[in-house]
Amino acid sequence: MNRVALLLACLVAVSCGGSTTLATDGATMCRHPASLDDAGVGACAIKRAALFCESPTQGGCDCVTDDATCGCGIPCENKCRANEYAASCGGPPVSGTYADPPPGCRSVGAFPSGGSFYCCPCQ
């Protein structure tokens, strides 16, 4: 029964244009601008995956992560492709500024506190 459920989940994700690839697939994050590795105040956080985890009965959670889950116990979908890395930029209003996403990134979602998730092309 579990194999049938997994197959159906994969078919639904593929038919909707999503990715069933887990964030832990692959050994390392793809090449990206080295300047992104020093995430100081207001910088974008970069990871291997932008996960969106949703359940009709349990709500959901979203995150950029190097793991296969956001920690909310709900199955997740990675919005980034195998040739992309994830970035989370912005946040709640503060006295200061937030970094813009790296060039060439595509928006894959936003969170209520004011930030956004992006998938960015590997170099």
N, C-alpha and C. Protein backbone atom coordinates (compact mmCIF):
# COMPACT_ATOMS: atom_id res chain seq x y z
N MET A 1 0.82 -1.20 0.00
CA MET A 1 0.00 0.00 0.00
C MET A 1 0.87 1.26 0.00
N ASN A 2 1.98 1.27 0.75
CA ASN A 2 2.84 2.45 0.81
C ASN A 2 3.44 2.77 -0.55
N ARG A 3 3.77 1.76 -1.34
CA ARG A 3 4.33 2.00 -2.67
C ARG A 3 3.30 2.65 -3.58
N VAL A 4 2.05 2.23 -3.47
CA VAL A 4 0.99 2.82 -4.28
C VAL A 4 0.81 4.29 -3.91
N ALA A 5 0.80 4.58 -2.62
CA ALA A 5 0.65 5.97 -2.17
C ALA A 5 1.82 6.83 -2.65
N LEU A 6 3.05 6.29 -2.57
CA LEU A 6 4.22 7.02 -3.02
C LEU A 6 4.15 7.27 -4.52
N LEU A 7 3.75 6.27 -5.28
CA LEU A 7 3.62 6.44 -6.73
C LEU A 7 2.59 7.50 -7.06
N LEU A 8 1.45 7.48 -6.38
CA LEU A 8 0.43 8.50 -6.63
C LEU A 8 0.93 9.90 -6.28
N ALA A 9 1.65 10.02 -5.18
CA ALA A 9 2.20 11.32 -4.78
C ALA A 9 3.17 11.83 -5.83
N CYS A 10 4.01 10.95 -6.36
CA CYS A 10 4.97 11.35 -7.39
C CYS A 10 4.24 11.79 -8.65
N LEU A 11 3.22 11.05 -9.05
CA LEU A 11 2.48 11.41 -10.25
C LEU A 11 1.77 12.75 -10.09
N VAL A 12 1.20 13.00 -8.94
CA VAL A 12 0.53 14.28 -8.69
C VAL A 12 1.54 15.42 -8.73
N ALA A 13 2.68 15.25 -8.07
CA ALA A 13 3.70 16.30 -8.03
C ALA A 13 4.21 16.59 -9.43
N VAL A 14 4.49 15.56 -10.22
CA VAL A 14 5.00 15.77 -11.57
C VAL A 14 3.94 16.42 -12.45
N SER A 15 2.69 16.00 -12.32
CA SER A 15 1.64 16.58 -13.17
C SER A 15 1.37 18.03 -12.82
N CYS A 16 1.68 18.43 -11.60
CA CYS A 16 1.48 19.82 -11.20
C CYS A 16 2.74 20.65 -11.39
N GLY A 17 3.79 20.07 -11.94
CA GLY A 17 5.02 20.81 -12.20
C GLY A 17 5.95 20.88 -11.01
N GLY A 18 5.67 20.15 -9.95
CA GLY A 18 6.53 20.18 -8.78
C GLY A 18 7.64 19.18 -8.88
N SER A 19 8.43 19.13 -7.84
CA SER A 19 9.55 18.20 -7.78
C SER A 19 9.39 17.31 -6.57
N THR A 20 9.61 16.03 -6.74
CA THR A 20 9.56 15.13 -5.60
C THR A 20 10.95 14.87 -5.05
N THR A 21 11.95 15.54 -5.57
CA THR A 21 13.32 15.35 -5.12
C THR A 21 13.48 15.88 -3.70
N LEU A 22 14.04 15.07 -2.83
CA LEU A 22 14.28 15.50 -1.47
C LEU A 22 15.48 16.41 -1.42
N ALA A 23 15.52 17.26 -0.42
CA ALA A 23 16.62 18.20 -0.28
C ALA A 23 17.94 17.50 -0.04
N THR A 24 17.91 16.29 0.47
CA THR A 24 19.14 15.59 0.77
C THR A 24 19.68 14.81 -0.42
N ASP A 25 18.96 14.80 -1.55
CA ASP A 25 19.48 14.14 -2.75
C ASP A 25 20.69 14.92 -3.23
N GLY A 26 21.77 14.25 -3.53
CA GLY A 26 22.99 14.93 -3.96
C GLY A 26 23.87 15.23 -2.76
N ALA A 27 25.15 15.23 -2.96
CA ALA A 27 26.09 15.35 -1.85
C ALA A 27 26.30 16.78 -1.39
N THR A 28 26.33 17.74 -2.31
CA THR A 28 26.63 19.12 -1.93
C THR A 28 25.72 20.09 -2.65
N MET A 29 25.68 21.31 -2.15
CA MET A 29 24.93 22.36 -2.82
C MET A 29 25.66 22.73 -4.10
N CYS A 30 24.91 23.09 -5.11
CA CYS A 30 25.54 23.47 -6.38
C CYS A 30 26.31 24.78 -6.23
N ARG A 31 27.14 25.07 -7.22
CA ARG A 31 27.95 26.30 -7.18
C ARG A 31 27.04 27.52 -7.19
N HIS A 32 27.43 28.50 -6.39
CA HIS A 32 26.68 29.75 -6.25
C HIS A 32 27.70 30.85 -5.94
N PRO A 33 27.29 32.11 -6.03
CA PRO A 33 28.25 33.19 -5.72
C PRO A 33 28.79 33.05 -4.30
N ALA A 34 30.09 33.08 -4.15
CA ALA A 34 30.73 32.93 -2.84
C ALA A 34 30.28 34.03 -1.87
N SER A 35 29.90 35.18 -2.39
CA SER A 35 29.47 36.29 -1.54
C SER A 35 28.23 35.93 -0.73
N LEU A 36 27.47 34.94 -1.16
CA LEU A 36 26.25 34.54 -0.45
C LEU A 36 26.55 33.70 0.78
N ASP A 37 27.76 33.18 0.91
CA ASP A 37 28.10 32.32 2.03
C ASP A 37 28.25 33.07 3.34
N ASP A 38 28.47 34.37 3.31
CA ASP A 38 28.62 35.18 4.51
C ASP A 38 27.29 35.86 4.79
N ALA A 39 26.36 35.13 5.38
CA ALA A 39 25.02 35.66 5.63
C ALA A 39 25.01 36.55 6.86
N GLY A 40 25.40 37.79 6.67
CA GLY A 40 25.35 38.76 7.76
C GLY A 40 23.93 39.27 7.96
N VAL A 41 23.79 40.30 8.76
CA VAL A 41 22.49 40.89 9.04
C VAL A 41 21.84 41.36 7.74
N GLY A 42 20.63 40.91 7.49
CA GLY A 42 19.88 41.32 6.31
C GLY A 42 20.20 40.55 5.05
N ALA A 43 21.16 39.63 5.11
CA ALA A 43 21.54 38.86 3.92
C ALA A 43 20.53 37.74 3.67
N CYS A 44 20.52 37.25 2.45
CA CYS A 44 19.69 36.10 2.11
C CYS A 44 20.34 34.84 2.70
N ALA A 45 19.52 33.95 3.20
CA ALA A 45 20.00 32.64 3.64
C ALA A 45 19.93 31.70 2.44
N ILE A 46 20.96 30.92 2.21
CA ILE A 46 20.94 29.99 1.09
C ILE A 46 21.09 28.56 1.59
N LYS A 47 20.36 27.67 0.96
CA LYS A 47 20.37 26.25 1.29
C LYS A 47 20.13 25.46 0.01
N ARG A 48 20.03 24.14 0.13
CA ARG A 48 19.83 23.31 -1.06
C ARG A 48 18.40 23.23 -1.52
N ALA A 49 17.41 23.47 -0.67
CA ALA A 49 16.01 23.26 -1.05
C ALA A 49 15.09 24.31 -0.46
N ALA A 50 14.03 24.66 -1.21
CA ALA A 50 12.94 25.49 -0.71
C ALA A 50 11.75 24.55 -0.55
N LEU A 51 11.48 24.15 0.69
CA LEU A 51 10.44 23.16 0.95
C LEU A 51 9.13 23.82 1.33
N PHE A 52 8.06 23.31 0.75
CA PHE A 52 6.70 23.72 1.10
C PHE A 52 5.99 22.46 1.56
N CYS A 53 5.53 22.47 2.80
CA CYS A 53 4.93 21.30 3.42
C CYS A 53 3.49 21.66 3.78
N GLU A 54 2.54 20.94 3.20
CA GLU A 54 1.13 21.27 3.43
C GLU A 54 0.31 20.03 3.65
N SER A 55 -0.69 20.16 4.50
CA SER A 55 -1.62 19.08 4.79
C SER A 55 -3.00 19.69 4.97
N PRO A 56 -4.04 19.10 4.36
CA PRO A 56 -5.38 19.66 4.53
C PRO A 56 -5.87 19.59 5.97
N THR A 57 -5.31 18.69 6.77
CA THR A 57 -5.77 18.56 8.15
C THR A 57 -4.79 19.10 9.19
N GLN A 58 -3.52 19.31 8.81
CA GLN A 58 -2.51 19.73 9.78
C GLN A 58 -1.90 21.09 9.49
N GLY A 59 -2.37 21.79 8.48
CA GLY A 59 -1.77 23.08 8.15
C GLY A 59 -0.52 22.90 7.32
N GLY A 60 0.52 23.64 7.64
CA GLY A 60 1.74 23.51 6.86
C GLY A 60 2.87 24.34 7.42
N CYS A 61 4.03 24.21 6.76
CA CYS A 61 5.20 25.00 7.09
C CYS A 61 6.07 25.08 5.84
N ASP A 62 6.92 26.08 5.77
CA ASP A 62 7.81 26.29 4.64
C ASP A 62 9.19 26.66 5.18
N CYS A 63 10.24 26.31 4.42
CA CYS A 63 11.58 26.67 4.85
C CYS A 63 12.58 26.49 3.71
N VAL A 64 13.74 27.12 3.84
CA VAL A 64 14.89 26.75 3.02
C VAL A 64 15.78 25.93 3.94
N THR A 65 16.28 24.81 3.42
CA THR A 65 16.98 23.86 4.28
C THR A 65 17.92 22.97 3.48
N ASP A 66 18.84 22.34 4.18
CA ASP A 66 19.68 21.30 3.61
C ASP A 66 19.13 19.92 3.97
N ASP A 67 18.02 19.89 4.70
CA ASP A 67 17.40 18.65 5.14
C ASP A 67 16.22 18.29 4.24
N ALA A 68 15.57 17.16 4.54
CA ALA A 68 14.42 16.71 3.76
C ALA A 68 13.10 17.12 4.38
N THR A 69 13.14 17.94 5.43
CA THR A 69 11.92 18.35 6.11
C THR A 69 12.11 19.72 6.75
N CYS A 70 11.01 20.38 7.02
CA CYS A 70 11.06 21.65 7.76
C CYS A 70 10.84 21.43 9.25
N GLY A 71 10.58 20.20 9.65
CA GLY A 71 10.41 19.89 11.05
C GLY A 71 8.99 19.93 11.56
N CYS A 72 8.01 20.06 10.65
CA CYS A 72 6.63 20.12 11.11
C CYS A 72 5.89 18.79 10.98
N GLY A 73 6.60 17.74 10.53
CA GLY A 73 6.00 16.42 10.46
C GLY A 73 5.01 16.23 9.32
N ILE A 74 5.08 17.09 8.31
CA ILE A 74 4.19 17.03 7.16
C ILE A 74 5.04 16.78 5.92
N PRO A 75 4.60 15.92 4.99
CA PRO A 75 5.38 15.70 3.77
C PRO A 75 5.63 17.02 3.02
N CYS A 76 6.83 17.13 2.44
CA CYS A 76 7.24 18.38 1.81
C CYS A 76 7.52 18.20 0.32
N GLU A 77 7.42 19.30 -0.40
CA GLU A 77 7.78 19.35 -1.81
C GLU A 77 8.87 20.40 -1.99
N ASN A 78 9.94 20.02 -2.67
CA ASN A 78 11.02 20.95 -2.98
C ASN A 78 10.64 21.73 -4.23
N LYS A 79 10.53 23.04 -4.13
CA LYS A 79 10.15 23.87 -5.28
C LYS A 79 11.32 24.15 -6.21
N CYS A 80 12.56 23.86 -5.76
CA CYS A 80 13.73 24.10 -6.60
C CYS A 80 14.06 22.86 -7.42
N ARG A 81 14.58 23.12 -8.60
CA ARG A 81 15.00 22.04 -9.49
C ARG A 81 16.40 21.57 -9.12
N ALA A 82 16.82 20.46 -9.73
CA ALA A 82 18.14 19.88 -9.42
C ALA A 82 19.28 20.83 -9.76
N ASN A 83 19.07 21.76 -10.69
CA ASN A 83 20.13 22.69 -11.09
C ASN A 83 19.95 24.06 -10.43
N GLU A 84 19.30 24.09 -9.26
CA GLU A 84 19.05 25.34 -8.53
C GLU A 84 19.38 25.16 -7.05
N TYR A 85 19.65 26.27 -6.38
CA TYR A 85 19.76 26.30 -4.93
C TYR A 85 18.65 27.22 -4.41
N ALA A 86 18.35 27.17 -3.13
CA ALA A 86 17.27 27.94 -2.54
C ALA A 86 17.82 29.16 -1.79
N ALA A 87 17.05 30.24 -1.82
CA ALA A 87 17.39 31.45 -1.06
C ALA A 87 16.14 31.95 -0.35
N SER A 88 16.32 32.44 0.86
CA SER A 88 15.26 33.08 1.62
C SER A 88 15.73 34.50 1.91
N CYS A 89 15.00 35.47 1.38
CA CYS A 89 15.41 36.87 1.52
C CYS A 89 14.28 37.69 2.13
N GLY A 90 14.66 38.66 2.94
CA GLY A 90 13.67 39.55 3.54
C GLY A 90 13.22 39.06 4.89
N GLY A 91 12.22 39.71 5.42
CA GLY A 91 11.69 39.36 6.73
C GLY A 91 10.79 40.46 7.24
N PRO A 92 10.54 40.47 8.54
CA PRO A 92 9.65 41.49 9.11
C PRO A 92 10.27 42.88 9.00
N PRO A 93 9.42 43.90 9.01
CA PRO A 93 9.94 45.27 8.94
C PRO A 93 10.92 45.55 10.09
N VAL A 94 12.08 46.10 9.74
CA VAL A 94 13.11 46.44 10.72
C VAL A 94 13.73 47.76 10.31
N SER A 95 14.51 48.33 11.22
CA SER A 95 15.27 49.52 10.85
C SER A 95 16.55 49.03 10.18
N GLY A 96 16.57 49.05 8.90
CA GLY A 96 17.68 48.52 8.12
C GLY A 96 17.14 47.98 6.81
N THR A 97 18.00 47.34 6.08
CA THR A 97 17.57 46.82 4.79
C THR A 97 17.88 45.34 4.69
N TYR A 98 17.20 44.70 3.77
CA TYR A 98 17.43 43.30 3.44
C TYR A 98 18.05 43.22 2.06
N ALA A 99 18.85 42.21 1.86
CA ALA A 99 19.47 42.00 0.56
C ALA A 99 18.42 41.56 -0.46
N ASP A 100 18.64 41.95 -1.71
CA ASP A 100 17.81 41.47 -2.80
C ASP A 100 18.23 40.04 -3.13
N PRO A 101 17.34 39.28 -3.74
CA PRO A 101 17.76 37.92 -4.15
C PRO A 101 18.84 38.00 -5.21
N PRO A 102 19.66 36.96 -5.32
CA PRO A 102 20.70 36.95 -6.35
C PRO A 102 20.08 37.07 -7.75
N PRO A 103 20.84 37.55 -8.73
CA PRO A 103 20.33 37.68 -10.09
C PRO A 103 19.91 36.33 -10.67
N GLY A 104 18.83 36.34 -11.42
CA GLY A 104 18.36 35.14 -12.10
C GLY A 104 17.47 34.24 -11.26
N CYS A 105 17.20 34.61 -10.03
CA CYS A 105 16.36 33.78 -9.17
C CYS A 105 14.88 33.94 -9.54
N ARG A 106 14.13 32.89 -9.30
CA ARG A 106 12.68 32.96 -9.52
C ARG A 106 11.98 32.82 -8.18
N SER A 107 10.95 33.61 -7.98
CA SER A 107 10.18 33.57 -6.74
C SER A 107 9.33 32.31 -6.71
N VAL A 108 9.35 31.60 -5.57
CA VAL A 108 8.52 30.40 -5.43
C VAL A 108 7.55 30.52 -4.25
N GLY A 109 7.54 31.66 -3.58
CA GLY A 109 6.60 31.85 -2.48
C GLY A 109 7.06 32.94 -1.52
N ALA A 110 6.14 33.32 -0.66
CA ALA A 110 6.42 34.35 0.33
C ALA A 110 5.91 33.88 1.69
N PHE A 111 6.44 34.47 2.75
CA PHE A 111 5.92 34.15 4.07
C PHE A 111 5.33 35.40 4.69
N PRO A 112 4.36 35.23 5.59
CA PRO A 112 3.58 36.35 6.12
C PRO A 112 4.41 37.47 6.75
N SER A 113 5.59 37.17 7.26
CA SER A 113 6.38 38.21 7.93
C SER A 113 7.09 39.14 6.96
N GLY A 114 6.95 38.91 5.66
CA GLY A 114 7.50 39.85 4.70
C GLY A 114 8.62 39.35 3.83
N GLY A 115 9.12 38.16 4.04
CA GLY A 115 10.20 37.63 3.22
C GLY A 115 9.69 36.77 2.08
N SER A 116 10.61 36.34 1.25
CA SER A 116 10.25 35.50 0.11
C SER A 116 11.25 34.38 -0.06
N PHE A 117 10.78 33.32 -0.71
CA PHE A 117 11.61 32.17 -1.08
C PHE A 117 11.91 32.24 -2.56
N TYR A 118 13.13 31.86 -2.95
CA TYR A 118 13.55 31.89 -4.34
C TYR A 118 14.30 30.60 -4.66
N CYS A 119 14.26 30.23 -5.94
CA CYS A 119 15.12 29.18 -6.47
C CYS A 119 16.03 29.86 -7.48
N CYS A 120 17.33 29.64 -7.32
CA CYS A 120 18.34 30.37 -8.09
C CYS A 120 19.20 29.41 -8.91
N PRO A 121 19.57 29.81 -10.10
CA PRO A 121 20.35 28.92 -10.97
C PRO A 121 21.76 28.68 -10.43
N CYS A 122 22.20 27.43 -10.55
CA CYS A 122 23.58 27.11 -10.19
C CYS A 122 24.52 27.76 -11.20
N GLN A 123 25.75 27.97 -10.78
CA GLN A 123 26.74 28.57 -11.68
C GLN A 123 27.60 27.50 -12.29
